[in-house]
Amino acid sequence: MTVDIKTDGPADTPPAGPEAIKAIPVRHYGRYVSAVVALALLAGVVYAFSQGKINWGAIPDYFFDGRVLTGVGKTLLLTVLSMTIGIVGGILLAVMRLSKNPVTSSIAWFYIWFFRGTPVLVQLVVWFNLGLVFEYINLGPVYKDQWSDFMTPFLTALLGLGLNEAAYMAEICRAGLLAVDEGQTEAAHALGMSHARTLRRIVIPQAMRVIVPPTGNEVINMLKTTSLVSVVQYSELFRVAQDIGQTSGAPAEMLFLAAAWYLLLTSVFSVGQYYLERYYARGSSRQLPPTVFQKVRANMLSLGRPRGGTTA
């Protein structure tokens, strides 16, 4: 028995697909309102400063003044040397704190407790006035002098900032070392690696991912904290700006000048911190975070893309 099946169209015609979806982006009116309010407040602040009794022309006149550039150089030098003392001391204190020896662990704990518990400004003033306790510094045949001649403003600033920073860096380094799983250390020892090589090849590279971001913040914070050493008569950027302001009759303008230099320097350090964090992120994620230029390029290209439309 034969059955004839009739079809209305060709047998090879595929079935019709689903209708195309027209995507319409959701409008966020609250974002527009908040943006308008923020711009209005910013415009109000700019207008208020423009109408103030401030000679803005004095800032570019002194921005590259020789005294200001000397102060900037001393600020950078003090920042680098203080952070070097802080990082080296912090690593040493972190190792002492993690030691099983109760004496070294207790000493490290007391150091961190004391320097983190007292303001850095107080520590600077104490270092500057320790001549009341130690009239002379006597190192035998190596060095002997009065404390007031030995403890110069630069040395006072360096010790005050560096030793205080070591307490904070100790906790940062300790957190980074503890963040590495102990199983990796045990596996390295099982393969015959020494303790020093395990730290250098296994532990420290992974700990750096935890240590680098807060260390970068500490560098930026140290750059700004150097302004406190003006109380011990060290001529860094803030001290120089104050002196120029008193002699030129533009004290407020020179404070804005110092603020502009601090913003410029911290911006440069922030870019360096970003690329350093990106370097140590290798291996922890499949795709590295975009660089600053890649972000700018992506934002520029996204401006010309349609936000919605019909797909075929």
Foldseek 3Di string as FASTA:
>chain_A
DDDDDDDPDDPPDDDDDDDWDFDDDDDDVVVVVVVVVVVVVVVVVVVVVVPDPADLVVLVVCLPPPLLVVQAVLLVVLLVLLLVLQQVLLVVLLCQCPDPPPVSVVVSVVLLCVLVVDDLLVQLVCLQPCCVVVQWDDPDPPDIDGSNVVCALSNSSSCSRNSSSNSVSNVQLNVLQVVDDVVQVVVCVVVVDDPVVCCVPPRVLSSCLSNLPVSLVVSLVSSVVSLSSVVRVDRHNNVSLCVCCVVVVRNVSSVVSSVVSSVVVNVVSVLVSLVVSQVSCPPVDPDGDDHPVVVVVVVVVVVPDDPTGIDD
